[in-house]
Amino acid sequence: MTAAAEDTVPALATTRRLQALAVMGWPTARLSRETGLVLYRLMPLLTGAAKTTRREDARAVAVVYVRLSTASPGLCGVSHIAARTARERAGAAGWAPPAAWDEDTIDDPSAIPQWTGHCGTVRGAGIHERDGLPLCAPCADALYRRRLRDAAHAARTTTHA
């Protein structure tokens, strides 16, 4: 393995952290300044386009995440317009907030954000709807599987009637 390959890590956890901060209202320019990542390095991580990242960049984002995930952008000098724009963009993309992750799962590639505590189930999808939360991909998949199962059951019932 080359030295360059040893200095890279999977980008997923870094992406999750950046997206969670954006959900809170931290704008891209501020994330760039806080992490020391220039925009051309930050944007692929934020959008999920990057599959790997430099180990030092992942570390920088993790440190900033610990600090900013418990801070209010508005109380840290971010304008309400910039914060609202960041939140709207993150909401439209369906990104998960910091509360959907815990320290044990944010780095786990197989983990899913726990918006409801039941994500990935039909019950979780119902909680999304009840609480006005954006439907996460695992809950959307659970609904889709439920609809397929219900349609197959209805077809069998109709055939046998």
N, C-alpha and C. Protein backbone atom coordinates (compact mmCIF):
# COMPACT_ATOMS: atom_id res chain seq x y z
N MET A 1 0.85 -1.17 0.00
CA MET A 1 0.00 0.00 0.00
C MET A 1 0.90 1.24 0.00
N THR A 2 0.53 2.24 -0.77
CA THR A 2 1.34 3.45 -0.85
C THR A 2 1.10 4.33 0.36
N ALA A 3 2.02 5.25 0.58
CA ALA A 3 1.87 6.19 1.70
C ALA A 3 0.60 7.03 1.52
N ALA A 4 0.30 7.40 0.28
CA ALA A 4 -0.90 8.21 0.01
C ALA A 4 -2.16 7.43 0.37
N ALA A 5 -2.19 6.14 0.04
CA ALA A 5 -3.36 5.31 0.35
C ALA A 5 -3.53 5.15 1.85
N GLU A 6 -2.42 5.08 2.58
CA GLU A 6 -2.49 4.95 4.04
C GLU A 6 -3.00 6.22 4.71
N ASP A 7 -2.88 7.34 4.02
CA ASP A 7 -3.31 8.62 4.58
C ASP A 7 -4.76 8.95 4.25
N THR A 8 -5.48 8.03 3.61
CA THR A 8 -6.89 8.27 3.30
C THR A 8 -7.77 7.33 4.11
N VAL A 9 -8.98 7.78 4.35
CA VAL A 9 -9.96 7.01 5.10
C VAL A 9 -11.30 7.13 4.37
N PRO A 10 -12.24 6.22 4.63
CA PRO A 10 -13.57 6.38 4.05
C PRO A 10 -14.17 7.72 4.49
N ALA A 11 -14.88 8.37 3.59
CA ALA A 11 -15.39 9.72 3.83
C ALA A 11 -16.76 9.75 4.51
N LEU A 12 -17.42 8.61 4.64
CA LEU A 12 -18.81 8.60 5.10
C LEU A 12 -19.03 9.30 6.43
N ALA A 13 -18.21 9.02 7.43
CA ALA A 13 -18.40 9.65 8.74
C ALA A 13 -18.17 11.16 8.66
N THR A 14 -17.20 11.57 7.85
CA THR A 14 -16.93 12.99 7.66
C THR A 14 -18.12 13.66 6.99
N THR A 15 -18.69 13.00 6.00
CA THR A 15 -19.87 13.51 5.32
C THR A 15 -21.03 13.64 6.30
N ARG A 16 -21.26 12.62 7.10
CA ARG A 16 -22.35 12.67 8.07
C ARG A 16 -22.19 13.85 9.02
N ARG A 17 -20.98 14.08 9.48
CA ARG A 17 -20.75 15.19 10.42
C ARG A 17 -21.01 16.54 9.75
N LEU A 18 -20.49 16.72 8.56
CA LEU A 18 -20.70 17.98 7.85
C LEU A 18 -22.17 18.22 7.56
N GLN A 19 -22.87 17.18 7.11
CA GLN A 19 -24.29 17.32 6.82
C GLN A 19 -25.09 17.64 8.07
N ALA A 20 -24.76 17.01 9.18
CA ALA A 20 -25.46 17.28 10.43
C ALA A 20 -25.27 18.73 10.86
N LEU A 21 -24.07 19.26 10.67
CA LEU A 21 -23.83 20.66 11.01
C LEU A 21 -24.62 21.59 10.09
N ALA A 22 -24.73 21.22 8.82
CA ALA A 22 -25.52 22.03 7.88
C ALA A 22 -26.99 22.03 8.29
N VAL A 23 -27.50 20.90 8.76
CA VAL A 23 -28.88 20.83 9.23
C VAL A 23 -29.11 21.83 10.35
N MET A 24 -28.12 22.02 11.19
CA MET A 24 -28.22 22.96 12.31
C MET A 24 -28.20 24.41 11.85
N GLY A 25 -27.71 24.64 10.62
CA GLY A 25 -27.64 26.00 10.12
C GLY A 25 -26.23 26.53 9.94
N TRP A 26 -25.26 25.65 10.01
CA TRP A 26 -23.88 26.09 9.77
C TRP A 26 -23.64 26.16 8.27
N PRO A 27 -23.39 27.36 7.73
CA PRO A 27 -23.19 27.51 6.28
C PRO A 27 -21.86 26.94 5.81
N THR A 28 -21.82 26.61 4.56
CA THR A 28 -20.64 26.00 3.95
C THR A 28 -19.40 26.86 4.15
N ALA A 29 -19.52 28.16 3.95
CA ALA A 29 -18.35 29.04 4.10
C ALA A 29 -17.80 28.98 5.52
N ARG A 30 -18.68 28.93 6.50
CA ARG A 30 -18.23 28.87 7.89
C ARG A 30 -17.61 27.51 8.18
N LEU A 31 -18.20 26.43 7.65
CA LEU A 31 -17.61 25.10 7.83
C LEU A 31 -16.23 25.04 7.21
N SER A 32 -16.08 25.66 6.08
CA SER A 32 -14.78 25.71 5.41
C SER A 32 -13.76 26.42 6.29
N ARG A 33 -14.15 27.55 6.83
CA ARG A 33 -13.24 28.31 7.69
C ARG A 33 -12.91 27.55 8.98
N GLU A 34 -13.91 26.96 9.60
CA GLU A 34 -13.70 26.25 10.87
C GLU A 34 -12.82 25.01 10.71
N THR A 35 -13.03 24.28 9.62
CA THR A 35 -12.28 23.03 9.40
C THR A 35 -10.93 23.25 8.72
N GLY A 36 -10.77 24.40 8.07
CA GLY A 36 -9.55 24.65 7.32
C GLY A 36 -9.57 23.99 5.95
N LEU A 37 -10.73 23.45 5.55
CA LEU A 37 -10.85 22.82 4.23
C LEU A 37 -11.30 23.85 3.21
N VAL A 38 -10.56 23.96 2.12
CA VAL A 38 -11.00 24.84 1.05
C VAL A 38 -12.26 24.26 0.42
N LEU A 39 -13.06 25.09 -0.21
CA LEU A 39 -14.37 24.66 -0.72
C LEU A 39 -14.27 23.48 -1.69
N TYR A 40 -13.24 23.44 -2.52
CA TYR A 40 -13.16 22.33 -3.48
C TYR A 40 -12.91 21.00 -2.78
N ARG A 41 -12.43 21.01 -1.55
CA ARG A 41 -12.28 19.77 -0.77
C ARG A 41 -13.52 19.51 0.08
N LEU A 42 -14.12 20.59 0.57
CA LEU A 42 -15.27 20.46 1.47
C LEU A 42 -16.53 20.03 0.73
N MET A 43 -16.81 20.60 -0.41
CA MET A 43 -18.09 20.35 -1.10
C MET A 43 -18.31 18.88 -1.46
N PRO A 44 -17.33 18.17 -2.01
CA PRO A 44 -17.57 16.74 -2.28
C PRO A 44 -17.84 15.93 -1.01
N LEU A 45 -17.23 16.35 0.10
CA LEU A 45 -17.49 15.67 1.38
C LEU A 45 -18.90 15.99 1.85
N LEU A 46 -19.29 17.24 1.78
CA LEU A 46 -20.61 17.67 2.24
C LEU A 46 -21.73 16.99 1.44
N THR A 47 -21.57 16.91 0.15
CA THR A 47 -22.63 16.35 -0.70
C THR A 47 -22.62 14.83 -0.76
N GLY A 48 -21.55 14.21 -0.26
CA GLY A 48 -21.46 12.76 -0.31
C GLY A 48 -20.82 12.23 -1.58
N ALA A 49 -20.30 13.13 -2.41
CA ALA A 49 -19.67 12.70 -3.66
C ALA A 49 -18.30 12.07 -3.41
N ALA A 50 -17.63 12.45 -2.34
CA ALA A 50 -16.31 11.90 -2.03
C ALA A 50 -16.46 10.55 -1.32
N LYS A 51 -15.76 9.57 -1.76
CA LYS A 51 -15.80 8.25 -1.12
C LYS A 51 -14.67 8.08 -0.11
N THR A 52 -13.58 8.81 -0.30
CA THR A 52 -12.48 8.81 0.65
C THR A 52 -12.06 10.25 0.91
N THR A 53 -11.33 10.42 1.99
CA THR A 53 -10.79 11.74 2.32
C THR A 53 -9.46 11.56 3.04
N ARG A 54 -8.72 12.63 3.10
CA ARG A 54 -7.45 12.57 3.82
C ARG A 54 -7.74 12.40 5.31
N ARG A 55 -6.93 11.60 5.95
CA ARG A 55 -7.09 11.34 7.38
C ARG A 55 -7.08 12.65 8.18
N GLU A 56 -6.21 13.58 7.81
CA GLU A 56 -6.13 14.86 8.54
C GLU A 56 -7.41 15.69 8.35
N ASP A 57 -8.04 15.60 7.18
CA ASP A 57 -9.30 16.32 6.95
C ASP A 57 -10.42 15.70 7.78
N ALA A 58 -10.46 14.38 7.85
CA ALA A 58 -11.48 13.70 8.67
C ALA A 58 -11.31 14.10 10.14
N ARG A 59 -10.07 14.16 10.60
CA ARG A 59 -9.80 14.56 11.98
C ARG A 59 -10.25 16.00 12.24
N ALA A 60 -9.94 16.89 11.31
CA ALA A 60 -10.32 18.30 11.46
C ALA A 60 -11.83 18.45 11.54
N VAL A 61 -12.56 17.74 10.68
CA VAL A 61 -14.02 17.80 10.71
C VAL A 61 -14.55 17.22 12.01
N ALA A 62 -13.99 16.13 12.48
CA ALA A 62 -14.45 15.52 13.73
C ALA A 62 -14.28 16.47 14.92
N VAL A 63 -13.16 17.17 14.96
CA VAL A 63 -12.92 18.13 16.05
C VAL A 63 -13.92 19.28 15.98
N VAL A 64 -14.14 19.80 14.79
CA VAL A 64 -15.09 20.91 14.61
C VAL A 64 -16.51 20.44 14.93
N TYR A 65 -16.84 19.22 14.56
CA TYR A 65 -18.17 18.67 14.84
C TYR A 65 -18.45 18.64 16.34
N VAL A 66 -17.50 18.18 17.11
CA VAL A 66 -17.68 18.12 18.57
C VAL A 66 -17.98 19.51 19.11
N ARG A 67 -17.30 20.51 18.60
CA ARG A 67 -17.48 21.87 19.10
C ARG A 67 -18.77 22.51 18.60
N LEU A 68 -19.07 22.38 17.31
CA LEU A 68 -20.20 23.10 16.73
C LEU A 68 -21.55 22.38 16.88
N SER A 69 -21.53 21.07 17.09
CA SER A 69 -22.80 20.34 17.16
C SER A 69 -23.60 20.68 18.41
N THR A 70 -22.98 21.35 19.35
CA THR A 70 -23.70 21.77 20.56
C THR A 70 -23.79 23.29 20.65
N ALA A 71 -23.44 23.98 19.58
CA ALA A 71 -23.46 25.44 19.57
C ALA A 71 -24.53 25.96 18.62
N SER A 72 -25.02 27.12 18.89
CA SER A 72 -26.00 27.77 18.03
C SER A 72 -25.29 28.62 16.99
N PRO A 73 -25.55 28.38 15.71
CA PRO A 73 -24.91 29.23 14.69
C PRO A 73 -25.18 30.72 14.92
N GLY A 74 -26.42 31.04 15.28
CA GLY A 74 -26.76 32.44 15.50
C GLY A 74 -25.98 33.08 16.63
N LEU A 75 -25.73 32.33 17.69
CA LEU A 75 -24.97 32.86 18.81
C LEU A 75 -23.47 32.89 18.53
N CYS A 76 -23.07 32.29 17.41
CA CYS A 76 -21.66 32.26 17.02
C CYS A 76 -21.38 33.17 15.82
N GLY A 77 -22.30 34.10 15.57
CA GLY A 77 -22.05 35.10 14.53
C GLY A 77 -22.56 34.77 13.14
N VAL A 78 -23.28 33.66 12.98
CA VAL A 78 -23.83 33.32 11.67
C VAL A 78 -25.14 34.09 11.50
N SER A 79 -25.30 34.77 10.39
CA SER A 79 -26.53 35.54 10.16
C SER A 79 -27.71 34.60 10.04
N HIS A 80 -28.88 35.09 10.41
CA HIS A 80 -30.07 34.24 10.34
C HIS A 80 -30.37 33.84 8.90
N ILE A 81 -30.03 34.69 7.96
CA ILE A 81 -30.26 34.36 6.54
C ILE A 81 -29.35 33.22 6.10
N ALA A 82 -28.07 33.29 6.47
CA ALA A 82 -27.12 32.22 6.10
C ALA A 82 -27.50 30.92 6.78
N ALA A 83 -27.91 30.99 8.05
CA ALA A 83 -28.31 29.78 8.77
C ALA A 83 -29.57 29.18 8.15
N ARG A 84 -30.54 30.00 7.82
CA ARG A 84 -31.78 29.50 7.21
C ARG A 84 -31.48 28.85 5.87
N THR A 85 -30.62 29.47 5.07
CA THR A 85 -30.25 28.92 3.76
C THR A 85 -29.60 27.55 3.93
N ALA A 86 -28.69 27.43 4.90
CA ALA A 86 -28.03 26.14 5.16
C ALA A 86 -29.05 25.09 5.59
N ARG A 87 -29.96 25.47 6.50
CA ARG A 87 -30.98 24.52 6.98
C ARG A 87 -31.91 24.09 5.85
N GLU A 88 -32.31 25.03 5.00
CA GLU A 88 -33.21 24.69 3.89
C GLU A 88 -32.54 23.74 2.91
N ARG A 89 -31.28 24.00 2.60
CA ARG A 89 -30.55 23.13 1.68
C ARG A 89 -30.42 21.73 2.27
N ALA A 90 -30.06 21.66 3.55
CA ALA A 90 -29.90 20.37 4.21
C ALA A 90 -31.24 19.63 4.30
N GLY A 91 -32.29 20.37 4.60
CA GLY A 91 -33.62 19.76 4.68
C GLY A 91 -34.07 19.21 3.34
N ALA A 92 -33.83 19.97 2.29
CA ALA A 92 -34.22 19.52 0.94
C ALA A 92 -33.44 18.27 0.54
N ALA A 93 -32.21 18.16 1.03
CA ALA A 93 -31.39 16.99 0.70
C ALA A 93 -31.69 15.80 1.61
N GLY A 94 -32.45 16.03 2.69
CA GLY A 94 -32.79 14.95 3.61
C GLY A 94 -31.67 14.55 4.55
N TRP A 95 -30.77 15.48 4.84
CA TRP A 95 -29.64 15.15 5.71
C TRP A 95 -30.09 15.04 7.15
N ALA A 96 -29.43 14.20 7.91
CA ALA A 96 -29.79 13.93 9.31
C ALA A 96 -29.09 14.91 10.25
N PRO A 97 -29.81 15.33 11.29
CA PRO A 97 -29.21 16.25 12.28
C PRO A 97 -28.31 15.51 13.25
N PRO A 98 -27.52 16.24 14.04
CA PRO A 98 -26.65 15.58 15.03
C PRO A 98 -27.42 14.66 15.98
N ALA A 99 -28.64 15.02 16.34
CA ALA A 99 -29.41 14.20 17.28
C ALA A 99 -29.75 12.82 16.71
N ALA A 100 -29.67 12.64 15.40
CA ALA A 100 -29.97 11.36 14.78
C ALA A 100 -28.79 10.39 14.87
N TRP A 101 -27.65 10.88 15.29
CA TRP A 101 -26.44 10.07 15.40
C TRP A 101 -25.97 10.05 16.85
N ASP A 102 -25.30 8.98 17.23
CA ASP A 102 -24.59 9.03 18.50
C ASP A 102 -23.14 8.68 18.22
N GLU A 103 -22.31 8.90 19.21
CA GLU A 103 -20.87 8.71 19.02
C GLU A 103 -20.51 7.29 18.59
N ASP A 104 -21.33 6.33 18.98
CA ASP A 104 -21.05 4.93 18.64
C ASP A 104 -21.43 4.56 17.22
N THR A 105 -22.32 5.33 16.59
CA THR A 105 -22.80 4.93 15.27
C THR A 105 -22.39 5.85 14.12
N ILE A 106 -22.01 7.06 14.39
CA ILE A 106 -21.75 7.99 13.29
C ILE A 106 -20.61 7.51 12.39
N ASP A 107 -19.67 6.76 12.94
CA ASP A 107 -18.55 6.23 12.15
C ASP A 107 -18.83 4.85 11.55
N ASP A 108 -19.95 4.24 11.91
CA ASP A 108 -20.29 2.90 11.45
C ASP A 108 -20.98 2.98 10.09
N PRO A 109 -20.35 2.45 9.04
CA PRO A 109 -20.94 2.53 7.70
C PRO A 109 -22.30 1.85 7.58
N SER A 110 -22.57 0.86 8.43
CA SER A 110 -23.85 0.15 8.33
C SER A 110 -24.96 0.82 9.15
N ALA A 111 -24.60 1.81 9.96
CA ALA A 111 -25.59 2.48 10.81
C ALA A 111 -26.47 3.42 9.98
N ILE A 112 -27.69 3.58 10.43
CA ILE A 112 -28.59 4.54 9.81
C ILE A 112 -28.94 5.60 10.85
N PRO A 113 -29.21 6.82 10.39
CA PRO A 113 -29.57 7.85 11.36
C PRO A 113 -30.88 7.50 12.05
N GLN A 114 -30.94 7.74 13.33
CA GLN A 114 -32.14 7.43 14.10
C GLN A 114 -32.93 8.71 14.38
N TRP A 115 -33.66 9.13 13.37
CA TRP A 115 -34.51 10.32 13.50
C TRP A 115 -35.60 10.07 14.54
N THR A 116 -36.10 8.84 14.56
CA THR A 116 -37.29 8.53 15.35
C THR A 116 -37.03 7.50 16.44
N GLY A 117 -35.91 6.82 16.40
CA GLY A 117 -35.67 5.70 17.30
C GLY A 117 -36.18 4.40 16.71
N HIS A 118 -36.90 4.48 15.57
CA HIS A 118 -37.44 3.29 14.91
C HIS A 118 -37.20 3.35 13.40
N CYS A 119 -36.18 4.10 12.99
CA CYS A 119 -35.94 4.26 11.55
C CYS A 119 -35.65 2.90 10.91
N GLY A 120 -36.14 2.75 9.69
CA GLY A 120 -36.01 1.50 8.96
C GLY A 120 -37.22 0.60 9.14
N THR A 121 -38.23 1.10 9.87
CA THR A 121 -39.45 0.32 10.09
C THR A 121 -40.67 1.16 9.69
N VAL A 122 -41.79 0.51 9.51
CA VAL A 122 -43.03 1.21 9.20
C VAL A 122 -43.41 2.12 10.37
N ARG A 123 -43.16 1.64 11.59
CA ARG A 123 -43.44 2.48 12.76
C ARG A 123 -42.62 3.78 12.70
N GLY A 124 -41.36 3.67 12.30
CA GLY A 124 -40.51 4.85 12.15
C GLY A 124 -41.09 5.81 11.12
N ALA A 125 -41.58 5.28 10.01
CA ALA A 125 -42.18 6.13 8.98
C ALA A 125 -43.40 6.87 9.53
N GLY A 126 -44.18 6.19 10.36
CA GLY A 126 -45.34 6.84 10.98
C GLY A 126 -44.93 7.96 11.91
N ILE A 127 -43.83 7.77 12.63
CA ILE A 127 -43.34 8.82 13.52
C ILE A 127 -42.83 10.01 12.71
N HIS A 128 -42.16 9.74 11.59
CA HIS A 128 -41.74 10.83 10.71
C HIS A 128 -42.95 11.68 10.34
N GLU A 129 -44.01 11.01 9.90
CA GLU A 129 -45.21 11.73 9.47
C GLU A 129 -45.85 12.48 10.63
N ARG A 130 -46.00 11.82 11.76
CA ARG A 130 -46.64 12.43 12.93
C ARG A 130 -45.89 13.68 13.40
N ASP A 131 -44.55 13.61 13.40
CA ASP A 131 -43.74 14.70 13.93
C ASP A 131 -43.30 15.70 12.87
N GLY A 132 -43.71 15.48 11.61
CA GLY A 132 -43.34 16.40 10.55
C GLY A 132 -41.87 16.36 10.18
N LEU A 133 -41.24 15.19 10.38
CA LEU A 133 -39.83 15.03 10.03
C LEU A 133 -39.72 14.57 8.58
N PRO A 134 -38.66 14.99 7.88
CA PRO A 134 -38.47 14.46 6.53
C PRO A 134 -38.33 12.94 6.59
N LEU A 135 -38.91 12.26 5.63
CA LEU A 135 -38.85 10.80 5.59
C LEU A 135 -37.44 10.37 5.20
N CYS A 136 -36.79 9.62 6.08
CA CYS A 136 -35.44 9.15 5.77
C CYS A 136 -35.51 7.96 4.81
N ALA A 137 -34.40 7.68 4.16
CA ALA A 137 -34.36 6.60 3.18
C ALA A 137 -34.71 5.24 3.79
N PRO A 138 -34.21 4.88 4.98
CA PRO A 138 -34.59 3.58 5.54
C PRO A 138 -36.09 3.46 5.80
N CYS A 139 -36.73 4.53 6.25
CA CYS A 139 -38.18 4.47 6.49
C CYS A 139 -38.95 4.44 5.17
N ALA A 140 -38.46 5.16 4.16
CA ALA A 140 -39.09 5.11 2.84
C ALA A 140 -39.00 3.69 2.29
N ASP A 141 -37.86 3.03 2.48
CA ASP A 141 -37.69 1.63 2.04
C ASP A 141 -38.65 0.71 2.79
N ALA A 142 -38.81 0.95 4.09
CA ALA A 142 -39.73 0.12 4.88
C ALA A 142 -41.17 0.27 4.37
N LEU A 143 -41.56 1.50 4.05
CA LEU A 143 -42.91 1.73 3.50
C LEU A 143 -43.07 1.03 2.16
N TYR A 144 -42.05 1.14 1.32
CA TYR A 144 -42.09 0.51 0.00
C TYR A 144 -42.23 -1.01 0.13
N ARG A 145 -41.42 -1.60 1.02
CA ARG A 145 -41.52 -3.06 1.23
C ARG A 145 -42.90 -3.44 1.77
N ARG A 146 -43.46 -2.62 2.64
CA ARG A 146 -44.79 -2.88 3.20
C ARG A 146 -45.84 -2.83 2.09
N ARG A 147 -45.74 -1.82 1.22
CA ARG A 147 -46.70 -1.70 0.11
C ARG A 147 -46.60 -2.90 -0.83
N LEU A 148 -45.38 -3.33 -1.13
CA LEU A 148 -45.21 -4.51 -1.98
C LEU A 148 -45.82 -5.74 -1.33
N ARG A 149 -45.58 -5.92 -0.05
CA ARG A 149 -46.12 -7.06 0.68
C ARG A 149 -47.65 -7.01 0.71
N ASP A 150 -48.22 -5.81 0.95
CA ASP A 150 -49.67 -5.65 0.97
C ASP A 150 -50.28 -5.92 -0.40
N ALA A 151 -49.60 -5.45 -1.47
CA ALA A 151 -50.10 -5.67 -2.82
C ALA A 151 -50.05 -7.16 -3.17
N ALA A 152 -49.00 -7.84 -2.78
CA ALA A 152 -48.89 -9.29 -3.04
C ALA A 152 -49.96 -10.03 -2.27
N HIS A 153 -50.21 -9.63 -1.04
CA HIS A 153 -51.25 -10.27 -0.23
C HIS A 153 -52.62 -10.04 -0.86
N ALA A 154 -52.88 -8.81 -1.31
CA ALA A 154 -54.17 -8.49 -1.94
C ALA A 154 -54.35 -9.30 -3.22
N ALA A 155 -53.28 -9.46 -3.97
CA ALA A 155 -53.37 -10.25 -5.22
C ALA A 155 -53.67 -11.71 -4.91
N ARG A 156 -53.04 -12.26 -3.90
CA ARG A 156 -53.31 -13.66 -3.52
C ARG A 156 -54.74 -13.81 -3.03
N THR A 157 -55.20 -12.85 -2.24
CA THR A 157 -56.55 -12.89 -1.68
C THR A 157 -57.59 -12.80 -2.80
N THR A 158 -57.35 -11.92 -3.78
CA THR A 158 -58.28 -11.75 -4.91
C THR A 158 -58.31 -12.99 -5.77
N THR A 159 -57.16 -13.62 -5.99
CA THR A 159 -57.07 -14.82 -6.81
C THR A 159 -57.83 -15.98 -6.19
N HIS A 160 -57.79 -16.10 -4.88
CA HIS A 160 -58.41 -17.21 -4.18
C HIS A 160 -59.90 -16.97 -3.89
N ALA A 161 -60.36 -15.77 -4.10
CA ALA A 161 -61.77 -15.46 -3.77
C ALA A 161 -62.73 -15.96 -4.82
